[in-house]
Protein backbone atom coordinates (compact mmCIF):
# COMPACT_ATOMS: atom_id res chain seq x y z
CA UNK A 1 -24.69 88.67 0.12
CA UNK A 2 -27.77 86.59 -0.71
CA UNK A 3 -30.73 87.74 1.41
CA UNK A 4 -33.26 84.95 1.68
CA UNK A 5 -30.96 82.35 0.15
CA UNK A 6 -30.61 78.98 1.87
CA UNK A 7 -27.51 78.50 4.02
CA UNK A 8 -24.38 77.20 2.35
CA UNK A 9 -23.80 73.48 2.77
CA UNK A 10 -20.78 71.73 1.28
CA UNK A 11 -20.07 68.04 0.75
CA UNK A 12 -16.42 67.25 1.48
CA UNK A 13 -16.26 64.63 -1.27
CA UNK A 14 -17.98 66.69 -3.97
CA UNK A 15 -16.62 70.21 -3.44
CA UNK A 16 -13.43 71.90 -4.61
CA UNK A 17 -11.93 75.31 -3.95
CA UNK A 18 -10.49 76.80 -7.16
CA UNK A 19 -8.01 79.64 -6.60
CA UNK A 20 -7.62 81.44 -9.90
CA UNK A 21 -4.35 83.03 -11.03
CA UNK A 22 -3.13 84.50 -7.74
CA UNK A 23 0.38 84.63 -9.14
CA UNK A 24 3.05 87.31 -9.22
CA UNK A 25 2.30 88.28 -12.81
CA UNK A 26 -1.06 89.61 -11.60
CA UNK A 27 -0.41 90.60 -8.01
CA UNK A 28 3.19 91.81 -7.79
CA UNK A 29 5.06 94.90 -8.92
CA UNK A 30 6.84 94.27 -12.19
CA UNK A 31 4.49 91.51 -13.32
CA UNK A 32 2.19 91.41 -16.34
CA UNK A 33 -0.71 93.34 -14.76
CA UNK A 34 1.59 96.04 -13.42
CA UNK A 35 3.31 96.39 -16.79
CA UNK A 36 -0.13 96.71 -18.40
CA UNK A 37 -0.94 99.65 -16.14
CA UNK A 38 -3.48 97.90 -13.90
CA UNK A 39 -4.00 98.79 -10.25
CA UNK A 40 -2.32 95.79 -8.68
CA UNK A 41 -3.25 97.06 -5.22
CA UNK A 42 -6.81 95.96 -5.93
CA UNK A 43 -5.60 92.52 -6.97
CA UNK A 44 -3.25 92.16 -4.01
CA UNK A 45 -6.11 92.72 -1.57
CA UNK A 46 -7.66 89.42 -2.65
CA UNK A 47 -4.68 87.51 -1.23
CA UNK A 48 -5.78 87.89 2.40
CA UNK A 49 -9.27 86.62 1.63
CA UNK A 50 -7.86 83.70 -0.36
CA UNK A 51 -5.64 82.80 2.59
CA UNK A 52 -8.72 82.53 4.81
CA UNK A 53 -10.50 80.37 2.24
CA UNK A 54 -7.48 78.11 1.82
CA UNK A 55 -7.12 77.61 5.57
CA UNK A 56 -10.79 76.70 5.90
CA UNK A 57 -10.73 74.42 2.85
CA UNK A 58 -7.66 72.61 4.17
CA UNK A 59 -9.32 72.15 7.54
CA UNK A 60 -12.45 70.76 5.87
CA UNK A 61 -10.45 68.38 3.69
CA UNK A 62 -11.98 69.38 0.35
CA UNK A 63 -10.17 69.26 -2.98
CA UNK A 64 -8.05 72.35 -3.68
CA UNK A 65 -7.00 73.54 -7.13
CA UNK A 66 -4.68 76.45 -7.94
CA UNK A 67 -4.53 77.80 -11.50
CA UNK A 68 -1.80 79.77 -13.26
CA UNK A 69 -2.13 81.54 -16.58
CA UNK A 70 0.98 81.41 -18.71
CA UNK A 71 2.54 80.14 -21.91
CA UNK A 72 5.30 77.87 -23.09
CA UNK A 73 8.66 79.63 -23.55
CA UNK A 74 8.34 79.48 -27.35
CA UNK A 75 4.78 80.93 -27.12
CA UNK A 76 3.51 78.13 -29.36
CA UNK A 77 0.36 77.91 -27.23
CA UNK A 78 -0.33 81.66 -27.36
CA UNK A 79 -2.78 82.55 -30.14
CA UNK A 80 -1.67 85.50 -32.31
CA UNK A 81 -4.81 87.44 -31.35
CA UNK A 82 -4.02 87.09 -27.65
CA UNK A 83 -0.44 88.17 -28.21
CA UNK A 84 -1.68 91.19 -30.18
CA UNK A 85 -4.02 92.15 -27.31
CA UNK A 86 -1.13 92.02 -24.84
CA UNK A 87 0.93 94.27 -27.10
CA UNK A 88 -1.94 96.74 -27.29
CA UNK A 89 -2.14 96.68 -23.48
CA UNK A 90 1.53 97.64 -23.25
CA UNK A 91 2.68 94.32 -21.78
CA UNK A 92 3.60 91.94 -24.63
CA UNK A 93 3.44 88.31 -23.56
CA UNK A 94 6.95 86.89 -23.60
CA UNK A 95 8.69 90.26 -23.25
CA UNK A 96 11.20 90.79 -20.46
CA UNK A 97 10.22 92.48 -17.21
CA UNK A 98 11.51 92.73 -13.64
CA UNK A 99 10.04 89.29 -12.84
CA UNK A 100 11.24 87.63 -16.03
CA UNK A 101 9.35 87.10 -19.26
CA UNK A 102 5.71 88.13 -18.90
CA UNK A 103 3.18 85.30 -18.59
CA UNK A 104 5.75 82.63 -19.45
CA UNK A 105 5.86 79.37 -17.54
CA UNK A 106 8.85 78.87 -15.31
CA UNK A 107 9.54 82.57 -14.86
CA UNK A 108 9.40 84.27 -11.45
CA UNK A 109 6.27 86.20 -12.43
CA UNK A 110 4.44 83.02 -13.38
CA UNK A 111 4.77 81.59 -9.88
CA UNK A 112 2.19 81.95 -7.13
CA UNK A 113 2.43 84.76 -4.60
CA UNK A 114 4.35 83.44 -1.56
CA UNK A 115 1.35 83.60 0.78
CA UNK A 116 -0.65 81.18 -1.38
CA UNK A 117 1.83 78.47 -2.29
CA UNK A 118 0.09 75.13 -2.89
CA UNK A 119 0.75 72.24 -0.59
CA UNK A 120 2.02 68.94 -1.99
CA UNK A 121 -1.44 67.36 -1.92
CA UNK A 122 -3.08 70.25 -3.80
CA UNK A 123 -3.51 70.45 -7.55
CA UNK A 124 -1.89 72.99 -9.89
CA UNK A 125 -3.44 73.64 -13.31
CA UNK A 126 -1.30 75.59 -15.77
CA UNK A 127 -3.57 77.14 -18.36
CA UNK A 128 -2.81 78.95 -21.62
CA UNK A 129 -6.21 80.64 -21.81
CA UNK A 130 -8.51 82.66 -19.59
CA UNK A 131 -10.76 79.77 -18.60
CA UNK A 132 -9.33 77.01 -16.41
CA UNK A 133 -10.89 74.24 -18.52
CA UNK A 134 -9.46 75.35 -21.88
CA UNK A 135 -6.66 72.99 -22.96
CA UNK A 136 -6.11 71.71 -19.41
CA UNK A 137 -6.73 68.54 -17.40
CA UNK A 138 -9.10 70.25 -14.94
CA UNK A 139 -12.29 68.57 -16.14
CA UNK A 140 -10.70 65.12 -15.98
CA UNK A 141 -9.34 65.85 -12.50
CA UNK A 142 -12.71 66.96 -11.12
CA UNK A 143 -14.48 63.98 -12.67
CA UNK A 144 -11.88 61.59 -11.26
CA UNK A 145 -12.39 62.77 -7.68
CA UNK A 146 -16.16 63.20 -7.99
CA UNK A 147 -16.34 66.98 -7.57
CA UNK A 148 -19.64 68.57 -8.62
CA UNK A 149 -19.46 71.93 -6.82
CA UNK A 150 -16.82 74.65 -7.10
CA UNK A 151 -15.94 77.49 -4.74
CA UNK A 152 -14.28 80.08 -6.97
CA UNK A 153 -12.01 82.97 -6.03
CA UNK A 154 -9.13 84.90 -7.60
CA UNK A 155 -8.44 87.38 -10.37
CA UNK A 156 -9.58 88.98 -12.46
CA UNK A 157 -13.34 88.86 -11.88
CA UNK A 158 -14.36 89.92 -15.38
CA UNK A 159 -11.86 87.77 -17.28
CA UNK A 160 -10.40 84.56 -15.83
CA UNK A 161 -12.92 84.14 -13.01
CA UNK A 162 -15.89 84.66 -15.32
CA UNK A 163 -14.39 82.52 -18.09
CA UNK A 164 -13.81 79.64 -15.68
CA UNK A 165 -17.26 80.06 -14.14
CA UNK A 166 -19.01 79.90 -17.49
CA UNK A 167 -17.01 76.86 -18.57
CA UNK A 168 -17.86 75.13 -15.29
CA UNK A 169 -21.59 75.84 -15.52
CA UNK A 170 -21.69 74.48 -19.08
CA UNK A 171 -20.19 71.26 -17.66
CA UNK A 172 -23.01 70.94 -15.14
CA UNK A 173 -21.07 72.09 -12.09
CA UNK A 174 -22.69 74.05 -9.27
CA UNK A 175 -20.63 77.17 -8.52
CA UNK A 176 -20.20 79.55 -5.61
CA UNK A 177 -18.20 82.69 -6.39
CA UNK A 178 -16.65 84.38 -3.36
CA UNK A 179 -17.34 87.98 -4.27
CA UNK A 180 -14.96 89.72 -1.88
CA UNK A 181 -12.22 87.22 -2.72
CA UNK A 182 -12.24 88.31 -6.36
CA UNK A 183 -11.05 91.57 -7.90
CA UNK A 184 -11.61 93.19 -11.27
CA UNK A 185 -8.92 94.98 -13.23
CA UNK A 186 -10.87 98.23 -12.90
CA UNK A 187 -13.07 99.26 -9.94
CA UNK A 188 -16.17 99.91 -12.02
CA UNK A 189 -16.16 96.38 -13.44
CA UNK A 190 -16.38 94.49 -10.16
CA UNK A 191 -20.03 95.04 -9.23
CA UNK A 192 -21.44 94.38 -12.74
CA UNK A 193 -19.31 91.25 -13.10
CA UNK A 194 -20.70 89.87 -9.85
CA UNK A 195 -24.24 90.98 -10.69
CA UNK A 196 -24.18 88.98 -13.94
CA UNK A 197 -23.72 85.76 -11.98
CA UNK A 198 -27.05 86.01 -10.17
CA UNK A 199 -29.39 86.89 -13.02
CA UNK A 200 -32.11 84.46 -14.13
CA UNK A 201 -32.20 82.71 -10.78
CA UNK A 202 -28.44 82.40 -10.51
CA UNK A 203 -27.55 81.44 -14.05
CA UNK A 204 -23.84 81.21 -13.19
CA UNK A 205 -24.33 80.12 -9.60
CA UNK A 206 -24.29 82.07 -6.39
CA UNK A 207 -22.20 84.92 -4.98
CA UNK A 208 -21.24 84.71 -1.32
CA UNK A 209 -18.78 86.43 1.00
CA UNK A 210 -15.56 84.99 2.36
CA UNK A 211 -17.10 84.93 5.84
CA UNK A 212 -20.11 82.90 4.63
CA UNK A 213 -17.94 80.35 2.85
CA UNK A 214 -15.45 80.07 5.71
CA UNK A 215 -18.30 79.50 8.18
CA UNK A 216 -19.74 76.74 5.99
CA UNK A 217 -16.33 75.09 5.61
CA UNK A 218 -15.73 75.29 9.36
CA UNK A 219 -19.09 73.60 9.90
CA UNK A 220 -18.05 70.88 7.47
CA UNK A 221 -14.73 70.44 9.28
CA UNK A 222 -16.52 70.13 12.63
CA UNK A 223 -18.97 67.64 11.16
CA UNK A 224 -16.27 65.41 9.68
CA UNK A 225 -14.21 65.48 12.89
CA UNK A 226 -17.11 64.33 15.05
CA UNK A 227 -16.73 60.65 16.01
């Protein structure tokens, strides 16, 4: 996806895979995205790519972070403007749906899709906003383990992926977005959202394919397993 770009090289101690919001509220029938009228088929297709990335990241031994967007049951951490936007979208945050209250922590819809459940040694960041750094412990976690590069995948490309990416770049992190392991809420938003990342010499990092990232992680795994 980057003709002429140098090959991907990851440092096991300084790299983290961040899997953004691959939860039932965005990828399953009856969840928030479905109630808002989005094409969840597009979002579901990311799951297979994320599975491949997770398997490779686990093999390489890098830090893995899963994020979930959702709010406290009393919605005290949901700004009125955000709640109003969800009402306008036809899926009021906190309202009842087939998977429980929409975008509320602890409900069935808030949980991860079954194929991407975190392991016990992986990190879960529950976030009330679009970006994974807003009102969370993510920055402190990354600093504590020495991570300086992020591999980013998940949904949606134009909202939570982009918000997290921009927050990360402002914190001095080097970012790789896995283009075919992200999905936008509407088909015509995907290409522009990815194109924005690479302007001005890669202002928000680099866009690569799942295959490129998996190959680089496999190389890292082979390197670290060599006596």
